[in-house]
Structure formats: structure tokens, C-alpha cells
C-alpha atoms as a PDB file:
ATOM      1  CA  MET A   1     -44.799  43.669  85.432  1.00  0.00           C
ATOM      2  CA  ASN A   2     -43.522  40.693  83.464  1.00  0.00           C
ATOM      3  CA  ASP A   3     -45.811  40.270  80.464  1.00  0.00           C
ATOM      4  CA  LYS A   4     -43.993  39.532  77.239  1.00  0.00           C
ATOM      5  CA  ILE A   5     -44.344  41.701  74.166  1.00  0.00           C
ATOM      6  CA  SER A   6     -43.663  40.541  70.614  1.00  0.00           C
ATOM      7  CA  VAL A   7     -41.841  42.668  68.046  1.00  0.00           C
ATOM      8  CA  LEU A   8     -40.895  41.201  64.647  1.00  0.00           C
ATOM      9  CA  ASP A   9     -41.698  37.772  66.123  1.00  0.00           C
ATOM     10  CA  ILE A  10     -39.147  38.192  68.922  1.00  0.00           C
ATOM     11  CA  ASP A  11     -40.566  37.805  72.447  1.00  0.00           C
ATOM     12  CA  ILE A  12     -39.335  40.554  74.773  1.00  0.00           C
ATOM     13  CA  ASP A  13     -39.750  40.618  78.558  1.00  0.00           C
ATOM     14  CA  ASN A  14     -41.584  43.716  79.763  1.00  0.00           C
ATOM     15  CA  TYR A  15     -39.690  44.107  83.050  1.00  0.00           C
ATOM     16  CA  THR A  16     -38.788  47.184  85.042  1.00  0.00           C
ATOM     17  CA  ALA A  17     -35.043  47.665  85.549  1.00  0.00           C
ATOM     18  CA  LYS A  18     -35.373  46.540  89.167  1.00  0.00           C
ATOM     19  CA  GLU A  19     -37.260  43.375  88.205  1.00  0.00           C
ATOM     20  CA  ALA A  20     -34.726  42.547  85.492  1.00  0.00           C
ATOM     21  CA  MET A  21     -31.849  43.122  87.903  1.00  0.00           C
ATOM     22  CA  LYS A  22     -33.450  40.853  90.499  1.00  0.00           C
ATOM     23  CA  GLU A  23     -33.611  38.059  87.918  1.00  0.00           C
ATOM     24  CA  THR A  24     -30.025  38.705  86.841  1.00  0.00           C
ATOM     25  CA  VAL A  25     -28.687  38.525  90.403  1.00  0.00           C
ATOM     26  CA  ARG A  26     -30.455  35.187  90.745  1.00  0.00           C
ATOM     27  CA  TYR A  27     -28.766  34.001  87.546  1.00  0.00           C
ATOM     28  CA  LEU A  28     -25.366  34.917  88.994  1.00  0.00           C
ATOM     29  CA  GLU A  29     -25.998  32.461  91.819  1.00  0.00           C
ATOM     30  CA  SER A  30     -27.300  29.632  89.619  1.00  0.00           C
ATOM     31  CA  ASP A  31     -25.827  27.036  87.281  1.00  0.00           C
ATOM     32  CA  PRO A  32     -24.400  28.150  83.930  1.00  0.00           C
ATOM     33  CA  VAL A  33     -25.260  29.520  81.543  1.00  0.00           C
ATOM     34  CA  ASN A  34     -28.057  32.085  81.691  1.00  0.00           C
ATOM     35  CA  VAL A  35     -28.527  34.277  78.621  1.00  0.00           C
ATOM     36  CA  VAL A  36     -29.565  37.926  78.925  1.00  0.00           C
ATOM     37  CA  GLU A  37     -29.991  39.969  75.757  1.00  0.00           C
ATOM     38  CA  LEU A  38     -30.700  43.664  75.221  1.00  0.00           C
ATOM     39  CA  VAL A  39     -32.156  43.996  71.741  1.00  0.00           C
ATOM     40  CA  THR A  40     -31.905  47.088  69.566  1.00  0.00           C
ATOM     41  CA  VAL A  41     -33.786  48.192  66.466  1.00  0.00           C
ATOM     42  CA  ASP A  42     -30.857  47.225  64.246  1.00  0.00           C
ATOM     43  CA  GLY A  43     -30.492  43.879  66.020  1.00  0.00           C
ATOM     44  CA  LEU A  44     -34.171  43.021  65.567  1.00  0.00           C
ATOM     45  CA  MET A  45     -34.027  43.862  61.876  1.00  0.00           C
ATOM     46  CA  GLN A  46     -30.908  41.733  61.380  1.00  0.00           C
ATOM     47  CA  MET A  47     -32.440  38.812  63.295  1.00  0.00           C
ATOM     48  CA  ASP A  48     -35.618  39.115  61.242  1.00  0.00           C
ATOM     49  CA  GLU A  49     -33.584  37.988  58.227  1.00  0.00           C
ATOM     50  CA  VAL A  50     -32.626  34.731  59.989  1.00  0.00           C
ATOM     51  CA  PRO A  51     -36.002  33.144  60.897  1.00  0.00           C
ATOM     52  CA  GLU A  52     -34.441  29.899  62.167  1.00  0.00           C
ATOM     53  CA  LEU A  53     -32.588  31.872  64.853  1.00  0.00           C
ATOM     54  CA  LYS A  54     -35.824  33.012  66.488  1.00  0.00           C
ATOM     55  CA  ASP A  55     -36.435  29.596  68.055  1.00  0.00           C
ATOM     56  CA  ASP A  56     -33.036  29.830  69.773  1.00  0.00           C
ATOM     57  CA  ILE A  57     -33.780  33.333  71.034  1.00  0.00           C
ATOM     58  CA  ARG A  58     -37.022  32.086  72.609  1.00  0.00           C
ATOM     59  CA  LYS A  59     -34.822  29.890  74.825  1.00  0.00           C
ATOM     60  CA  PHE A  60     -32.894  32.881  76.191  1.00  0.00           C
ATOM     61  CA  ASP A  61     -33.600  33.531  79.866  1.00  0.00           C
ATOM     62  CA  LEU A  62     -34.192  37.277  79.636  1.00  0.00           C
ATOM     63  CA  VAL A  63     -34.704  39.443  76.547  1.00  0.00           C
ATOM     64  CA  LEU A  64     -35.070  43.174  77.163  1.00  0.00           C
ATOM     65  CA  ALA A  65     -35.724  46.179  74.947  1.00  0.00           C
ATOM     66  CA  GLY A  66     -32.636  48.341  74.569  1.00  0.00           C
ATOM     67  CA  ASP A  67     -34.416  51.104  72.666  1.00  0.00           C
ATOM     68  CA  LYS A  68     -37.670  52.951  73.362  1.00  0.00           C
ATOM     69  CA  THR A  69     -38.616  52.614  69.671  1.00  0.00           C
ATOM     70  CA  ILE A  70     -39.115  48.891  70.310  1.00  0.00           C
ATOM     71  CA  LEU A  71     -41.499  49.638  73.178  1.00  0.00           C
ATOM     72  CA  GLU A  72     -43.416  52.106  71.020  1.00  0.00           C
ATOM     73  CA  ALA A  73     -43.740  49.440  68.316  1.00  0.00           C
ATOM     74  CA  ALA A  74     -45.445  47.221  70.904  1.00  0.00           C
ATOM     75  CA  ASP A  75     -47.720  50.106  72.000  1.00  0.00           C
ATOM     76  CA  ILE A  76     -46.058  50.350  75.426  1.00  0.00           C
ATOM     77  CA  THR A  77     -46.780  53.804  76.838  1.00  0.00           C
ATOM     78  CA  ASP A  78     -45.783  53.393  80.491  1.00  0.00           C
ATOM     79  CA  ARG A  79     -43.629  56.433  81.229  1.00  0.00           C
ATOM     80  CA  ARG A  80     -41.364  54.700  83.741  1.00  0.00           C
ATOM     81  CA  THR A  81     -40.603  51.815  81.391  1.00  0.00           C
ATOM     82  CA  ILE A  82     -39.774  54.164  78.521  1.00  0.00           C
ATOM     83  CA  GLN A  83     -37.559  56.381  80.691  1.00  0.00           C
ATOM     84  CA  GLU A  84     -35.665  53.405  82.121  1.00  0.00           C
ATOM     85  CA  THR A  85     -35.099  52.006  78.632  1.00  0.00           C
ATOM     86  CA  GLU A  86     -33.937  55.374  77.289  1.00  0.00           C
ATOM     87  CA  GLY A  87     -31.530  55.779  80.194  1.00  0.00           C
ATOM     88  CA  HIS A  88     -30.247  52.176  80.018  1.00  0.00           C
ATOM     89  CA  VAL A  89     -30.959  51.906  83.744  1.00  0.00           C
ATOM     90  CA  PHE A  90     -30.791  48.105  83.867  1.00  0.00           C
ATOM     91  CA  MET A  91     -27.404  47.990  82.132  1.00  0.00           C
ATOM     92  CA  LYS A  92     -25.952  50.551  84.547  1.00  0.00           C
ATOM     93  CA  MET A  93     -27.349  48.647  87.534  1.00  0.00           C
ATOM     94  CA  PHE A  94     -25.752  45.468  86.198  1.00  0.00           C
ATOM     95  CA  PHE A  95     -22.339  47.072  85.703  1.00  0.00           C
ATOM     96  CA  ARG A  96     -22.454  48.557  89.197  1.00  0.00           C
ATOM     97  CA  TYR A  97     -23.359  45.164  90.654  1.00  0.00           C
ATOM     98  CA  ILE A  98     -20.563  43.193  88.993  1.00  0.00           C
ATOM     99  CA  HIS A  99     -18.105  45.950  89.940  1.00  0.00           C
ATOM    100  CA  LYS A 100     -19.199  46.124  93.575  1.00  0.00           C
ATOM    101  CA  ASN A 101     -19.268  42.333  93.962  1.00  0.00           C
ATOM    102  CA  HIS A 102     -15.934  41.734  92.197  1.00  0.00           C
ATOM    103  CA  LYS A 103     -17.387  39.509  89.490  1.00  0.00           C
ATOM    104  CA  ARG A 104     -14.925  38.245  86.889  1.00  0.00           C
ATOM    105  CA  VAL A 105     -15.751  39.456  83.380  1.00  0.00           C
ATOM    106  CA  TYR A 106     -14.726  38.425  79.863  1.00  0.00           C
ATOM    107  CA  LEU A 107     -15.328  40.796  76.931  1.00  0.00           C
ATOM    108  CA  LEU A 108     -16.204  39.869  73.333  1.00  0.00           C
ATOM    109  CA  VAL A 109     -15.791  42.474  70.589  1.00  0.00           C
ATOM    110  CA  GLU A 110     -15.385  42.583  66.806  1.00  0.00           C
ATOM    111  CA  SER A 111     -12.325  44.818  66.490  1.00  0.00           C
ATOM    112  CA  GLU A 112      -9.285  45.920  68.457  1.00  0.00           C
ATOM    113  CA  GLU A 113     -10.660  49.468  68.488  1.00  0.00           C
ATOM    114  CA  GLU A 114     -13.931  48.290  70.028  1.00  0.00           C
ATOM    115  CA  GLY A 115     -12.011  46.270  72.595  1.00  0.00           C
ATOM    116  CA  GLU A 116      -9.931  49.265  73.600  1.00  0.00           C
ATOM    117  CA  HIS A 117     -12.984  51.521  73.828  1.00  0.00           C
ATOM    118  CA  LEU A 118     -15.006  49.010  75.851  1.00  0.00           C
ATOM    119  CA  TYR A 119     -12.146  48.337  78.254  1.00  0.00           C
ATOM    120  CA  ASN A 120     -11.551  52.075  78.737  1.00  0.00           C
ATOM    121  CA  TYR A 121     -15.273  52.708  79.229  1.00  0.00           C
ATOM    122  CA  LEU A 122     -15.514  50.127  82.009  1.00  0.00           C
ATOM    123  CA  GLU A 123     -12.284  51.316  83.621  1.00  0.00           C
ATOM    124  CA  HIS A 124     -13.440  54.934  83.525  1.00  0.00           C
ATOM    125  CA  SER A 125     -17.045  54.391  84.634  1.00  0.00           C
ATOM    126  CA  TYR A 126     -16.561  51.349  86.893  1.00  0.00           C
ATOM    127  CA  SER A 127     -12.917  51.573  87.913  1.00  0.00           C
ATOM    128  CA  GLY A 128     -11.518  48.362  89.322  1.00  0.00           C
ATOM    129  CA  SER A 129     -13.828  46.003  87.415  1.00  0.00           C
ATOM    130  CA  GLN A 130     -12.261  42.543  87.205  1.00  0.00           C
ATOM    131  CA  ILE A 131     -11.794  42.151  83.454  1.00  0.00           C
ATOM    132  CA  VAL A 132      -9.936  38.873  83.064  1.00  0.00           C
ATOM    133  CA  GLY A 133      -9.980  38.558  79.287  1.00  0.00           C
ATOM    134  CA  LEU A 134     -10.921  40.112  75.962  1.00  0.00           C
ATOM    135  CA  ALA A 135     -11.280  38.467  72.559  1.00  0.00           C
ATOM    136  CA  LYS A 136     -12.112  39.522  69.028  1.00  0.00           C
ATOM    137  CA  VAL A 137     -14.817  37.500  67.260  1.00  0.00           C
ATOM    138  CA  SER A 138     -15.002  37.438  63.478  1.00  0.00           C
ATOM    139  CA  ALA A 139     -18.024  36.267  61.503  1.00  0.00           C
ATOM    140  CA  GLN A 140     -15.663  35.047  58.769  1.00  0.00           C
ATOM    141  CA  ASN A 141     -13.218  33.212  61.041  1.00  0.00           C
ATOM    142  CA  ARG A 142     -15.058  32.270  64.220  1.00  0.00           C
ATOM    143  CA  ALA A 143     -12.628  29.894  65.982  1.00  0.00           C
ATOM    144  CA  ASP A 144     -15.376  29.098  68.513  1.00  0.00           C
ATOM    145  CA  ASP A 145     -13.448  26.289  70.229  1.00  0.00           C
ATOM    146  CA  MET A 146     -10.516  28.560  71.055  1.00  0.00           C
ATOM    147  CA  LEU A 147     -12.829  31.275  72.370  1.00  0.00           C
ATOM    148  CA  VAL A 148     -14.808  28.863  74.541  1.00  0.00           C
ATOM    149  CA  ASN A 149     -11.580  27.414  75.975  1.00  0.00           C
ATOM    150  CA  ALA A 150     -10.291  30.904  76.752  1.00  0.00           C
ATOM    151  CA  ILE A 151     -13.527  31.892  78.493  1.00  0.00           C
ATOM    152  CA  ASN A 152     -13.761  28.659  80.474  1.00  0.00           C
ATOM    153  CA  GLY A 153     -10.103  28.880  81.436  1.00  0.00           C
ATOM    154  CA  GLY A 154     -10.663  32.328  82.903  1.00  0.00           C
ATOM    155  CA  GLU A 155     -13.231  31.020  85.414  1.00  0.00           C
ATOM    156  CA  VAL A 156     -15.431  34.017  84.674  1.00  0.00           C
ATOM    157  CA  ASP A 157     -18.791  34.950  86.147  1.00  0.00           C
ATOM    158  CA  CYS A 158     -19.988  36.909  83.138  1.00  0.00           C
ATOM    159  CA  VAL A 159     -19.334  37.308  79.425  1.00  0.00           C
ATOM    160  CA  ILE A 160     -20.207  40.745  78.044  1.00  0.00           C
ATOM    161  CA  SER A 161     -20.721  40.700  74.288  1.00  0.00           C
ATOM    162  CA  ILE A 162     -21.005  43.703  71.974  1.00  0.00           C
ATOM    163  CA  LEU A 163     -21.123  41.668  68.774  1.00  0.00           C
ATOM    164  CA  SER A 164     -23.376  42.435  65.823  1.00  0.00           C
ATOM    165  CA  SER A 165     -26.608  40.547  65.240  1.00  0.00           C
ATOM    166  CA  PRO A 166     -27.018  37.782  64.233  1.00  0.00           C
ATOM    167  CA  LEU A 167     -23.375  36.860  65.039  1.00  0.00           C
ATOM    168  CA  GLN A 168     -23.937  37.459  68.750  1.00  0.00           C
ATOM    169  CA  GLU A 169     -27.061  35.314  68.955  1.00  0.00           C
ATOM    170  CA  GLU A 170     -25.632  32.551  66.755  1.00  0.00           C
ATOM    171  CA  PHE A 171     -22.489  32.321  68.893  1.00  0.00           C
ATOM    172  CA  ILE A 172     -24.283  31.861  72.213  1.00  0.00           C
ATOM    173  CA  ALA A 173     -26.965  29.576  70.737  1.00  0.00           C
ATOM    174  CA  LYS A 174     -24.255  27.267  69.381  1.00  0.00           C
ATOM    175  CA  ASN A 175     -21.939  27.328  72.403  1.00  0.00           C
ATOM    176  CA  ARG A 176     -24.301  27.735  75.349  1.00  0.00           C
ATOM    177  CA  GLY A 177     -24.042  24.092  76.361  1.00  0.00           C
ATOM    178  CA  ILE A 178     -20.248  24.163  76.708  1.00  0.00           C
ATOM    179  CA  LEU A 179     -19.629  27.606  78.196  1.00  0.00           C
ATOM    180  CA  ASN A 180     -18.749  27.710  81.886  1.00  0.00           C
ATOM    181  CA  THR A 181     -19.967  31.133  82.976  1.00  0.00           C
ATOM    182  CA  ARG A 182     -22.977  32.249  84.983  1.00  0.00           C
ATOM    183  CA  ILE A 183     -24.268  34.919  82.613  1.00  0.00           C
ATOM    184  CA  TRP A 184     -23.944  35.809  78.963  1.00  0.00           C
ATOM    185  CA  MET A 185     -24.826  39.507  78.683  1.00  0.00           C
ATOM    186  CA  GLY A 186     -25.508  40.335  75.035  1.00  0.00           C
ATOM    187  CA  LEU A 187     -25.484  44.099  74.527  1.00  0.00           C
ATOM    188  CA  GLY A 188     -24.943  44.170  70.778  1.00  0.00           C
ATOM    189  CA  LYS A 189     -24.289  47.433  68.971  1.00  0.00           C
ATOM    190  CA  GLY A 190     -25.512  50.914  69.766  1.00  0.00           C
ATOM    191  CA  ILE A 191     -26.300  50.637  73.483  1.00  0.00           C
ATOM    192  CA  LEU A 192     -22.830  51.358  74.836  1.00  0.00           C
ATOM    193  CA  PRO A 193     -20.857  54.391  73.573  1.00  0.00           C
ATOM    194  CA  VAL A 194     -18.348  51.966  72.061  1.00  0.00           C
ATOM    195  CA  GLY A 195     -17.447  51.395  68.433  1.00  0.00           C
ATOM    196  CA  ARG A 196     -20.097  53.788  67.149  1.00  0.00           C
ATOM    197  CA  PRO A 197     -19.659  55.793  63.944  1.00  0.00           C
ATOM    198  CA  GLY A 198     -18.873  59.504  64.120  1.00  0.00           C
ATOM    199  CA  PHE A 199     -21.475  61.587  65.942  1.00  0.00           C
ATOM    200  CA  GLY A 200     -23.228  63.007  62.879  1.00  0.00           C
ATOM    201  CA  GLN A 201     -23.027  59.790  60.881  1.00  0.00           C
ATOM    202  CA  GLY A 202     -24.275  57.767  63.850  1.00  0.00           C
ATOM    203  CA  ARG A 203     -27.328  59.973  64.344  1.00  0.00           C
ATOM    204  CA  ILE A 204     -28.256  59.843  60.657  1.00  0.00           C
ATOM    205  CA  THR A 205     -27.840  56.062  60.529  1.00  0.00           C
ATOM    206  CA  GLN A 206     -29.956  55.558  63.648  1.00  0.00           C
ATOM    207  CA  PHE A 207     -32.649  57.898  62.312  1.00  0.00           C
ATOM    208  CA  LEU A 208     -32.878  55.970  59.037  1.00  0.00           C
ATOM    209  CA  LEU A 209     -32.867  52.587  60.788  1.00  0.00           C
ATOM    210  CA  LYS A 210     -35.687  53.605  63.100  1.00  0.00           C
ATOM    211  CA  ARG A 211     -37.691  55.022  60.204  1.00  0.00           C
ATOM    212  CA  ILE A 212     -37.373  51.753  58.255  1.00  0.00           C
ATOM    213  CA  PHE A 213     -38.209  49.787  61.414  1.00  0.00           C
ATOM    214  CA  LYS A 214     -41.368  51.820  62.088  1.00  0.00           C
ATOM    215  CA  LYS A 215     -42.548  51.370  58.497  1.00  0.00           C
ATOM    216  CA  GLU A 216     -42.043  47.603  58.760  1.00  0.00           C
ATOM    217  CA  ILE A 217     -44.001  47.479  62.032  1.00  0.00           C
ATOM    218  CA  GLU A 218     -46.841  49.537  60.504  1.00  0.00           C
ATOM    219  CA  LYS A 219     -46.924  47.243  57.458  1.00  0.00           C
ATOM    220  CA  ARG A 220     -47.171  44.119  59.620  1.00  0.00           C
ATOM    221  CA  LYS A 221     -49.942  45.631  61.720  1.00  0.00           C
ATOM    222  CA  ARG A 222     -51.885  46.481  58.547  1.00  0.00           C
ATOM    223  CA  ASP A 223     -51.356  42.974  57.177  1.00  0.00           C
ATOM    224  CA  MET A 224     -52.581  41.469  60.446  1.00  0.00           C
ATOM    225  CA  SER A 225     -55.675  43.689  60.493  1.00  0.00           C
ATOM    226  CA  GLU A 226     -56.484  42.798  56.888  1.00  0.00           C
ATOM    227  CA  ALA A 227     -56.025  39.099  57.648  1.00  0.00           C
ATOM    228  CA  LEU A 228     -58.422  39.354  60.596  1.00  0.00           C
ATOM    229  CA  VAL A 229     -61.018  41.141  58.457  1.00  0.00           C
ATOM    230  CA  SER A 230     -60.691  38.523  55.709  1.00  0.00           C
ATOM    231  CA  ALA A 231     -61.119  35.720  58.239  1.00  0.00           C
ATOM    232  CA  LYS A 232     -64.502  37.057  59.391  1.00  0.00           C
END
């Protein structure tokens, strides 16, 4: 299963977790830098406001759905695919792999609190992971050159990013050609239990986001149907 689906004009690979992991392992043995992105509902909506970024995202090596709502928007009903996406099976397989194989990891976050939470999460769930560096990225004060030098100096195998969209995508699109790492793993916001709002607030926010997202998808499907009818 490797057909692409398109949601808000973003092409997403319809892989099983095992298929995606097989590709990712291959990336870890190849030349730098391979870009893997798990997209969320919020991320897609943010990227939709930056149309010029979509061409860069099409050049990413692997783009996966990080939320079952995205699969539903593309009319994907396969039970296994939905369950694996809901359970973040691919992400967990990836973390286990880099832990077991002693891969060197660099973390990118947007706040000190996020950095602390992400580091503690990896230490708790995948104790002994080789985290060789952590940096805070600001949309207002990027300092890309310093960040790239720090990452390259760490001789890392993987960069794990939990930056907001479109900051995350803009950063890797701009710096991909000068980064010396095997994989850029873009997880964005909301997939890991890191840097989320309070429990109640987080659930309400996610509910509203998904409701807005579904309405936008329905509107675009109606517009497409009307355009097809008019063309006849």
C-alpha cells in the first residue's frame, strides 16, 4: 500500500507503519538529508495559508498522516491504517529503532518547557537514547546558521523537530541542502504528549480545530463537484 492521498493540496503517503518504517531505515543508511513529516490537522490548516510552501513539501521523502481525521477526509476506511495512525505506531517504531541502534539525535523545540518535556519523555519511554543536543527555534529570531552549525557539529543521525507549522517546514526547506544528518523527523505539535495545553483546554481546542477542518474539506468537495457539473 503506497498510493498517495491529497488533503488540502498536500500529498500524503498512504503507508502502513511497517512500510513507512522500512523506508525510514533505508533513509538512515543513505546520504543526507531525508525528510519525514507527520502532518496533523492543525499543521495542514497552517500550511494551507502558505501556498508557496506546498511545492517544498512535495519534495519531502515521506509525508504521513498523524491524525485519523486526515485519513477520513481522504475517504480512507481501512481499519488497520486508521488504528495504526490513532496509536502513532510508526512513531513508536521509529523511537524504538533509534534507541536500540544507538542513533545520535538532536532535538528542536520552541520553548525551554517543551525541551524539558521532550527530553524527559524520551528518557522515560526510551531510556538511554543518545540525545546529543537540543535547541530552541524562534519564528521571530531564527538564527538558522547557528542552529545548522550546532546540528552538523554534533554528527547526528537524526533531527527530531516538534516545531509549529509552517515554521517547521520552512526551516527544513531552507536548510535541507546544508544539514548533515540522515533524517529530519518532523513531528510538529499535538502528536507527542509534549508542550500541549491543559487537558481540558487541549481537548476543546482539538475538537474545534477538527470541526473547522472537516467543514473546509466538505466545502472543497462541494466546490469540486459543482465545478465538474459545470464543466459537462
